[in-house]
Each structure stands twice: as C-alpha cells, then as structure tokens.
Amino acid sequence: MSEPAAELVCSAKGCRAPATWAVRWNNPRIHAPERRKVWLACDDHRPHLERHLDTREFWRDTIPVGDLTEDDG
C-alpha cells in the first residue's frame, strides 16, 4: 500500500495553514529561464510572498496548488 501524500502547508515562516497557492519563481542569475522554484502559500500569505519575490524580480506566476505537476517539483 502506498504512503498518503504529504499535506501541503504554507511556506511562510511559522505558518502551518494548508497551502492553496503555488507561487512560482526563479533567480535569473542562477537558474535557467524555464526553471521554476515553488513556494506554497495560504490565502493570507500569498500577497506577501508574491511581493517579496517581485521586489527581487524573481516572481514568475501563481497557480492553484491543484494545478501543480511533477515538473514543478
């Protein structure tokens, strides 16, 4: 019997809320343009995580966690 999937929780520091969003980003200085790293976000932390990444020009897009694929890691 296979193990159940791990619960997806928000990546914000100290938050243990269920993740509903996948904030996808990359650092163009060290990642290939097509590479996407993922931070998971709850509804409350999504805007903060997007702003944090956008300020550094790392934010690429945000999708519902249900739309993640194996390619997203």
PDB file of N, CA and C in Angstrom:
ATOM      1  N   MET A   1       0.835  -1.174   0.000  1.00  0.00           N
ATOM      2  CA  MET A   1       0.000   0.000   0.000  1.00  0.00           C
ATOM      3  C   MET A   1       0.878   1.235   0.000  1.00  0.00           C
ATOM      4  N   SER A   2       0.531   2.240  -0.843  1.00  0.00           N
ATOM      5  CA  SER A   2       1.372   3.424  -0.947  1.00  0.00           C
ATOM      6  C   SER A   2       1.106   4.383   0.208  1.00  0.00           C
ATOM      7  N   GLU A   3       2.113   5.209   0.485  1.00  0.00           N
ATOM      8  CA  GLU A   3       2.005   6.221   1.531  1.00  0.00           C
ATOM      9  C   GLU A   3       1.068   7.326   1.068  1.00  0.00           C
ATOM     10  N   PRO A   4       0.270   7.936   1.963  1.00  0.00           N
ATOM     11  CA  PRO A   4      -0.559   9.073   1.563  1.00  0.00           C
ATOM     12  C   PRO A   4       0.318  10.275   1.251  1.00  0.00           C
ATOM     13  N   ALA A   5      -0.160  11.123   0.354  1.00  0.00           N
ATOM     14  CA  ALA A   5       0.599  12.329   0.007  1.00  0.00           C
ATOM     15  C   ALA A   5       0.726  13.213   1.237  1.00  0.00           C
ATOM     16  N   ALA A   6       1.879  13.839   1.376  1.00  0.00           N
ATOM     17  CA  ALA A   6       2.095  14.748   2.495  1.00  0.00           C
ATOM     18  C   ALA A   6       1.179  15.955   2.340  1.00  0.00           C
ATOM     19  N   GLU A   7       0.683  16.465   3.455  1.00  0.00           N
ATOM     20  CA  GLU A   7      -0.159  17.649   3.425  1.00  0.00           C
ATOM     21  C   GLU A   7       0.695  18.838   2.973  1.00  0.00           C
ATOM     22  N   LEU A   8       0.169  19.622   2.070  1.00  0.00           N
ATOM     23  CA  LEU A   8       0.879  20.801   1.584  1.00  0.00           C
ATOM     24  C   LEU A   8       0.571  21.969   2.512  1.00  0.00           C
ATOM     25  N   VAL A   9       1.622  22.549   3.102  1.00  0.00           N
ATOM     26  CA  VAL A   9       1.441  23.662   4.035  1.00  0.00           C
ATOM     27  C   VAL A   9       2.143  24.906   3.509  1.00  0.00           C
ATOM     28  N   CYS A  10       1.687  26.043   3.959  1.00  0.00           N
ATOM     29  CA  CYS A  10       2.228  27.338   3.552  1.00  0.00           C
ATOM     30  C   CYS A  10       3.719  27.435   3.865  1.00  0.00           C
ATOM     31  N   SER A  11       4.470  28.075   2.961  1.00  0.00           N
ATOM     32  CA  SER A  11       5.916  28.238   3.129  1.00  0.00           C
ATOM     33  C   SER A  11       6.290  29.452   3.974  1.00  0.00           C
ATOM     34  N   ALA A  12       5.317  30.297   4.320  1.00  0.00           N
ATOM     35  CA  ALA A  12       5.620  31.481   5.129  1.00  0.00           C
ATOM     36  C   ALA A  12       6.140  31.045   6.499  1.00  0.00           C
ATOM     37  N   LYS A  13       7.109  31.773   6.997  1.00  0.00           N
ATOM     38  CA  LYS A  13       7.745  31.421   8.255  1.00  0.00           C
ATOM     39  C   LYS A  13       6.716  31.314   9.379  1.00  0.00           C
ATOM     40  N   GLY A  14       6.698  30.154  10.035  1.00  0.00           N
ATOM     41  CA  GLY A  14       5.838  29.925  11.172  1.00  0.00           C
ATOM     42  C   GLY A  14       4.396  29.571  10.842  1.00  0.00           C
ATOM     43  N   CYS A  15       4.025  29.603   9.568  1.00  0.00           N
ATOM     44  CA  CYS A  15       2.645  29.299   9.184  1.00  0.00           C
ATOM     45  C   CYS A  15       2.500  27.804   8.939  1.00  0.00           C
ATOM     46  N   ARG A  16       1.442  27.220   9.458  1.00  0.00           N
ATOM     47  CA  ARG A  16       1.177  25.797   9.249  1.00  0.00           C
ATOM     48  C   ARG A  16      -0.179  25.597   8.565  1.00  0.00           C
ATOM     49  N   ALA A  17      -0.714  26.681   7.970  1.00  0.00           N
ATOM     50  CA  ALA A  17      -2.007  26.606   7.293  1.00  0.00           C
ATOM     51  C   ALA A  17      -1.882  25.793   6.006  1.00  0.00           C
ATOM     52  N   PRO A  18      -2.966  25.162   5.601  1.00  0.00           N
ATOM     53  CA  PRO A  18      -2.930  24.430   4.328  1.00  0.00           C
ATOM     54  C   PRO A  18      -2.625  25.389   3.166  1.00  0.00           C
ATOM     55  N   ALA A  19      -1.792  24.936   2.255  1.00  0.00           N
ATOM     56  CA  ALA A  19      -1.449  25.735   1.075  1.00  0.00           C
ATOM     57  C   ALA A  19      -2.546  25.605   0.032  1.00  0.00           C
ATOM     58  N   THR A  20      -2.918  26.734  -0.543  1.00  0.00           N
ATOM     59  CA  THR A  20      -3.903  26.744  -1.630  1.00  0.00           C
ATOM     60  C   THR A  20      -3.309  27.296  -2.906  1.00  0.00           C
ATOM     61  N   TRP A  21      -2.128  27.902  -2.816  1.00  0.00           N
ATOM     62  CA  TRP A  21      -1.472  28.537  -3.965  1.00  0.00           C
ATOM     63  C   TRP A  21      -0.032  28.066  -4.105  1.00  0.00           C
ATOM     64  N   ALA A  22       0.433  28.014  -5.339  1.00  0.00           N
ATOM     65  CA  ALA A  22       1.836  27.727  -5.651  1.00  0.00           C
ATOM     66  C   ALA A  22       2.418  28.981  -6.290  1.00  0.00           C
ATOM     67  N   VAL A  23       3.302  29.633  -5.566  1.00  0.00           N
ATOM     68  CA  VAL A  23       3.959  30.848  -6.049  1.00  0.00           C
ATOM     69  C   VAL A  23       5.244  30.392  -6.726  1.00  0.00           C
ATOM     70  N   ARG A  24       5.290  30.544  -8.049  1.00  0.00           N
ATOM     71  CA  ARG A  24       6.437  30.031  -8.819  1.00  0.00           C
ATOM     72  C   ARG A  24       7.403  31.174  -9.135  1.00  0.00           C
ATOM     73  N   TRP A  25       8.693  30.874  -8.988  1.00  0.00           N
ATOM     74  CA  TRP A  25       9.713  31.901  -9.143  1.00  0.00           C
ATOM     75  C   TRP A  25      11.009  31.287  -9.631  1.00  0.00           C
ATOM     76  N   ASN A  26      11.941  32.153 -10.021  1.00  0.00           N
ATOM     77  CA  ASN A  26      13.323  31.734 -10.249  1.00  0.00           C
ATOM     78  C   ASN A  26      14.242  32.935 -10.098  1.00  0.00           C
ATOM     79  N   ASN A  27      15.476  32.648  -9.804  1.00  0.00           N
ATOM     80  CA  ASN A  27      16.512  33.672  -9.708  1.00  0.00           C
ATOM     81  C   ASN A  27      17.269  33.625 -11.038  1.00  0.00           C
ATOM     82  N   PRO A  28      17.083  34.632 -11.901  1.00  0.00           N
ATOM     83  CA  PRO A  28      17.684  34.566 -13.231  1.00  0.00           C
ATOM     84  C   PRO A  28      19.219  34.537 -13.224  1.00  0.00           C
ATOM     85  N   ARG A  29      19.825  34.929 -12.113  1.00  0.00           N
ATOM     86  CA  ARG A  29      21.291  34.879 -12.050  1.00  0.00           C
ATOM     87  C   ARG A  29      21.821  33.462 -11.871  1.00  0.00           C
ATOM     88  N   ILE A  30      20.982  32.570 -11.320  1.00  0.00           N
ATOM     89  CA  ILE A  30      21.482  31.209 -11.070  1.00  0.00           C
ATOM     90  C   ILE A  30      20.620  30.107 -11.671  1.00  0.00           C
ATOM     91  N   HIS A  31      19.411  30.433 -12.139  1.00  0.00           N
ATOM     92  CA  HIS A  31      18.517  29.424 -12.703  1.00  0.00           C
ATOM     93  C   HIS A  31      18.307  29.660 -14.194  1.00  0.00           C
ATOM     94  N   ALA A  32      18.153  28.576 -14.941  1.00  0.00           N
ATOM     95  CA  ALA A  32      17.794  28.696 -16.364  1.00  0.00           C
ATOM     96  C   ALA A  32      16.426  29.374 -16.457  1.00  0.00           C
ATOM     97  N   PRO A  33      16.156  30.126 -17.528  1.00  0.00           N
ATOM     98  CA  PRO A  33      14.897  30.862 -17.647  1.00  0.00           C
ATOM     99  C   PRO A  33      13.637  30.009 -17.485  1.00  0.00           C
ATOM    100  N   GLU A  34      13.679  28.759 -17.913  1.00  0.00           N
ATOM    101  CA  GLU A  34      12.493  27.910 -17.832  1.00  0.00           C
ATOM    102  C   GLU A  34      12.313  27.246 -16.461  1.00  0.00           C
ATOM    103  N   ARG A  35      13.324  27.305 -15.607  1.00  0.00           N
ATOM    104  CA  ARG A  35      13.259  26.669 -14.283  1.00  0.00           C
ATOM    105  C   ARG A  35      12.299  27.413 -13.376  1.00  0.00           C
ATOM    106  N   ARG A  36      11.515  26.689 -12.618  1.00  0.00           N
ATOM    107  CA  ARG A  36      10.612  27.288 -11.649  1.00  0.00           C
ATOM    108  C   ARG A  36      10.792  26.624 -10.291  1.00  0.00           C
ATOM    109  N   LYS A  37      11.068  27.446  -9.300  1.00  0.00           N
ATOM    110  CA  LYS A  37      11.053  27.014  -7.907  1.00  0.00           C
ATOM    111  C   LYS A  37       9.644  27.304  -7.407  1.00  0.00           C
ATOM    112  N   VAL A  38       9.208  26.643  -6.339  1.00  0.00           N
ATOM    113  CA  VAL A  38       7.839  26.826  -5.851  1.00  0.00           C
ATOM    114  C   VAL A  38       7.844  27.092  -4.347  1.00  0.00           C
ATOM    115  N   TRP A  39       7.142  28.149  -3.965  1.00  0.00           N
ATOM    116  CA  TRP A  39       6.791  28.370  -2.569  1.00  0.00           C
ATOM    117  C   TRP A  39       5.298  28.149  -2.474  1.00  0.00           C
ATOM    118  N   LEU A  40       4.867  27.427  -1.476  1.00  0.00           N
ATOM    119  CA  LEU A  40       3.442  27.198  -1.258  1.00  0.00           C
ATOM    120  C   LEU A  40       2.893  28.311  -0.360  1.00  0.00           C
ATOM    121  N   ALA A  41       1.649  28.710  -0.616  1.00  0.00           N
ATOM    122  CA  ALA A  41       1.070  29.818   0.145  1.00  0.00           C
ATOM    123  C   ALA A  41      -0.379  29.543   0.513  1.00  0.00           C
ATOM    124  N   CYS A  42      -0.748  30.000   1.702  1.00  0.00           N
ATOM    125  CA  CYS A  42      -2.156  30.034   2.087  1.00  0.00           C
ATOM    126  C   CYS A  42      -2.734  31.343   1.526  1.00  0.00           C
ATOM    127  N   ASP A  43      -4.034  31.505   1.630  1.00  0.00           N
ATOM    128  CA  ASP A  43      -4.656  32.725   1.110  1.00  0.00           C
ATOM    129  C   ASP A  43      -4.099  33.978   1.781  1.00  0.00           C
ATOM    130  N   ASP A  44      -3.825  33.911   3.096  1.00  0.00           N
ATOM    131  CA  ASP A  44      -3.337  35.080   3.826  1.00  0.00           C
ATOM    132  C   ASP A  44      -1.924  35.491   3.438  1.00  0.00           C
ATOM    133  N   HIS A  45      -1.043  34.528   3.148  1.00  0.00           N
ATOM    134  CA  HIS A  45       0.359  34.839   2.877  1.00  0.00           C
ATOM    135  C   HIS A  45       0.701  34.996   1.396  1.00  0.00           C
ATOM    136  N   ARG A  46      -0.210  34.646   0.523  1.00  0.00           N
ATOM    137  CA  ARG A  46       0.058  34.754  -0.918  1.00  0.00           C
ATOM    138  C   ARG A  46       0.549  36.163  -1.313  1.00  0.00           C
ATOM    139  N   PRO A  47      -0.180  37.244  -0.954  1.00  0.00           N
ATOM    140  CA  PRO A  47       0.281  38.578  -1.387  1.00  0.00           C
ATOM    141  C   PRO A  47       1.686  38.920  -0.879  1.00  0.00           C
ATOM    142  N   HIS A  48       1.973  38.556   0.370  1.00  0.00           N
ATOM    143  CA  HIS A  48       3.291  38.848   0.943  1.00  0.00           C
ATOM    144  C   HIS A  48       4.404  38.116   0.189  1.00  0.00           C
ATOM    145  N   LEU A  49       4.203  36.830  -0.074  1.00  0.00           N
ATOM    146  CA  LEU A  49       5.230  36.058  -0.773  1.00  0.00           C
ATOM    147  C   LEU A  49       5.429  36.566  -2.201  1.00  0.00           C
ATOM    148  N   GLU A  50       4.342  36.913  -2.885  1.00  0.00           N
ATOM    149  CA  GLU A  50       4.462  37.460  -4.244  1.00  0.00           C
ATOM    150  C   GLU A  50       5.216  38.789  -4.238  1.00  0.00           C
ATOM    151  N   ARG A  51       4.876  39.681  -3.287  1.00  0.00           N
ATOM    152  CA  ARG A  51       5.579  40.980  -3.206  1.00  0.00           C
ATOM    153  C   ARG A  51       7.062  40.787  -2.921  1.00  0.00           C
ATOM    154  N   HIS A  52       7.363  39.902  -1.984  1.00  0.00           N
ATOM    155  CA  HIS A  52       8.762  39.630  -1.622  1.00  0.00           C
ATOM    156  C   HIS A  52       9.566  39.204  -2.856  1.00  0.00           C
ATOM    157  N   LEU A  53       9.012  38.284  -3.635  1.00  0.00           N
ATOM    158  CA  LEU A  53       9.704  37.792  -4.832  1.00  0.00           C
ATOM    159  C   LEU A  53       9.704  38.827  -5.953  1.00  0.00           C
ATOM    160  N   ASP A  54       8.597  39.551  -6.123  1.00  0.00           N
ATOM    161  CA  ASP A  54       8.507  40.538  -7.193  1.00  0.00           C
ATOM    162  C   ASP A  54       9.497  41.686  -6.975  1.00  0.00           C
ATOM    163  N   THR A  55       9.701  42.078  -5.723  1.00  0.00           N
ATOM    164  CA  THR A  55      10.671  43.135  -5.404  1.00  0.00           C
ATOM    165  C   THR A  55      12.063  42.762  -5.900  1.00  0.00           C
ATOM    166  N   ARG A  56      12.376  41.485  -5.868  1.00  0.00           N
ATOM    167  CA  ARG A  56      13.689  40.992  -6.309  1.00  0.00           C
ATOM    168  C   ARG A  56      13.692  40.554  -7.774  1.00  0.00           C
ATOM    169  N   GLU A  57      12.539  40.739  -8.438  1.00  0.00           N
ATOM    170  CA  GLU A  57      12.354  40.327  -9.836  1.00  0.00           C
ATOM    171  C   GLU A  57      12.494  38.820 -10.016  1.00  0.00           C
ATOM    172  N   PHE A  58      12.054  38.049  -8.998  1.00  0.00           N
ATOM    173  CA  PHE A  58      12.099  36.594  -9.042  1.00  0.00           C
ATOM    174  C   PHE A  58      10.727  35.982  -9.329  1.00  0.00           C
ATOM    175  N   TRP A  59       9.629  36.697  -8.971  1.00  0.00           N
ATOM    176  CA  TRP A  59       8.285  36.131  -9.112  1.00  0.00           C
ATOM    177  C   TRP A  59       7.949  35.942 -10.579  1.00  0.00           C
ATOM    178  N   ARG A  60       7.397  34.768 -10.927  1.00  0.00           N
ATOM    179  CA  ARG A  60       7.011  34.469 -12.308  1.00  0.00           C
ATOM    180  C   ARG A  60       5.504  34.351 -12.448  1.00  0.00           C
ATOM    181  N   ASP A  61       4.859  33.547 -11.597  1.00  0.00           N
ATOM    182  CA  ASP A  61       3.402  33.425 -11.635  1.00  0.00           C
ATOM    183  C   ASP A  61       2.930  32.687 -10.395  1.00  0.00           C
ATOM    184  N   THR A  62       1.616  32.659 -10.225  1.00  0.00           N
ATOM    185  CA  THR A  62       0.998  31.952  -9.114  1.00  0.00           C
ATOM    186  C   THR A  62      -0.157  31.132  -9.669  1.00  0.00           C
ATOM    187  N   ILE A  63      -0.204  29.875  -9.253  1.00  0.00           N
ATOM    188  CA  ILE A  63      -1.263  28.975  -9.716  1.00  0.00           C
ATOM    189  C   ILE A  63      -1.865  28.253  -8.514  1.00  0.00           C
ATOM    190  N   PRO A  64      -3.085  27.738  -8.644  1.00  0.00           N
ATOM    191  CA  PRO A  64      -3.644  26.914  -7.563  1.00  0.00           C
ATOM    192  C   PRO A  64      -2.787  25.659  -7.362  1.00  0.00           C
ATOM    193  N   VAL A  65      -2.650  25.214  -6.111  1.00  0.00           N
ATOM    194  CA  VAL A  65      -1.820  24.025  -5.862  1.00  0.00           C
ATOM    195  C   VAL A  65      -2.325  22.809  -6.624  1.00  0.00           C
ATOM    196  N   GLY A  66      -3.604  22.753  -6.900  1.00  0.00           N
ATOM    197  CA  GLY A  66      -4.158  21.630  -7.648  1.00  0.00           C
ATOM    198  C   GLY A  66      -3.669  21.555  -9.079  1.00  0.00           C
ATOM    199  N   ASP A  67      -3.106  22.654  -9.589  1.00  0.00           N
ATOM    200  CA  ASP A  67      -2.577  22.690 -10.955  1.00  0.00           C
ATOM    201  C   ASP A  67      -1.097  22.339 -11.036  1.00  0.00           C
ATOM    202  N   LEU A  68      -0.443  22.100  -9.870  1.00  0.00           N
ATOM    203  CA  LEU A  68       0.965  21.710  -9.897  1.00  0.00           C
ATOM    204  C   LEU A  68       1.128  20.356 -10.593  1.00  0.00           C
ATOM    205  N   THR A  69       2.254  20.197 -11.258  1.00  0.00           N
ATOM    206  CA  THR A  69       2.582  18.922 -11.874  1.00  0.00           C
ATOM    207  C   THR A  69       3.888  18.404 -11.290  1.00  0.00           C
ATOM    208  N   GLU A  70       4.273  17.205 -11.660  1.00  0.00           N
ATOM    209  CA  GLU A  70       5.561  16.658 -11.198  1.00  0.00           C
ATOM    210  C   GLU A  70       6.720  17.537 -11.654  1.00  0.00           C
ATOM    211  N   ASP A  71       6.582  18.217 -12.771  1.00  0.00           N
ATOM    212  CA  ASP A  71       7.637  19.102 -13.274  1.00  0.00           C
ATOM    213  C   ASP A  71       7.865  20.295 -12.358  1.00  0.00           C
ATOM    214  N   ASP A  72       6.877  20.640 -11.532  1.00  0.00           N
ATOM    215  CA  ASP A  72       7.020  21.768 -10.605  1.00  0.00           C
ATOM    216  C   ASP A  72       7.799  21.399  -9.355  1.00  0.00           C
ATOM    217  N   GLY A  73       8.077  20.135  -9.172  1.00  0.00           N
ATOM    218  CA  GLY A  73       8.876  19.701  -8.033  1.00  0.00           C
ATOM    219  C   GLY A  73       8.096  19.423  -6.787  1.00  0.00           C
TER     220      GLY A  73
END
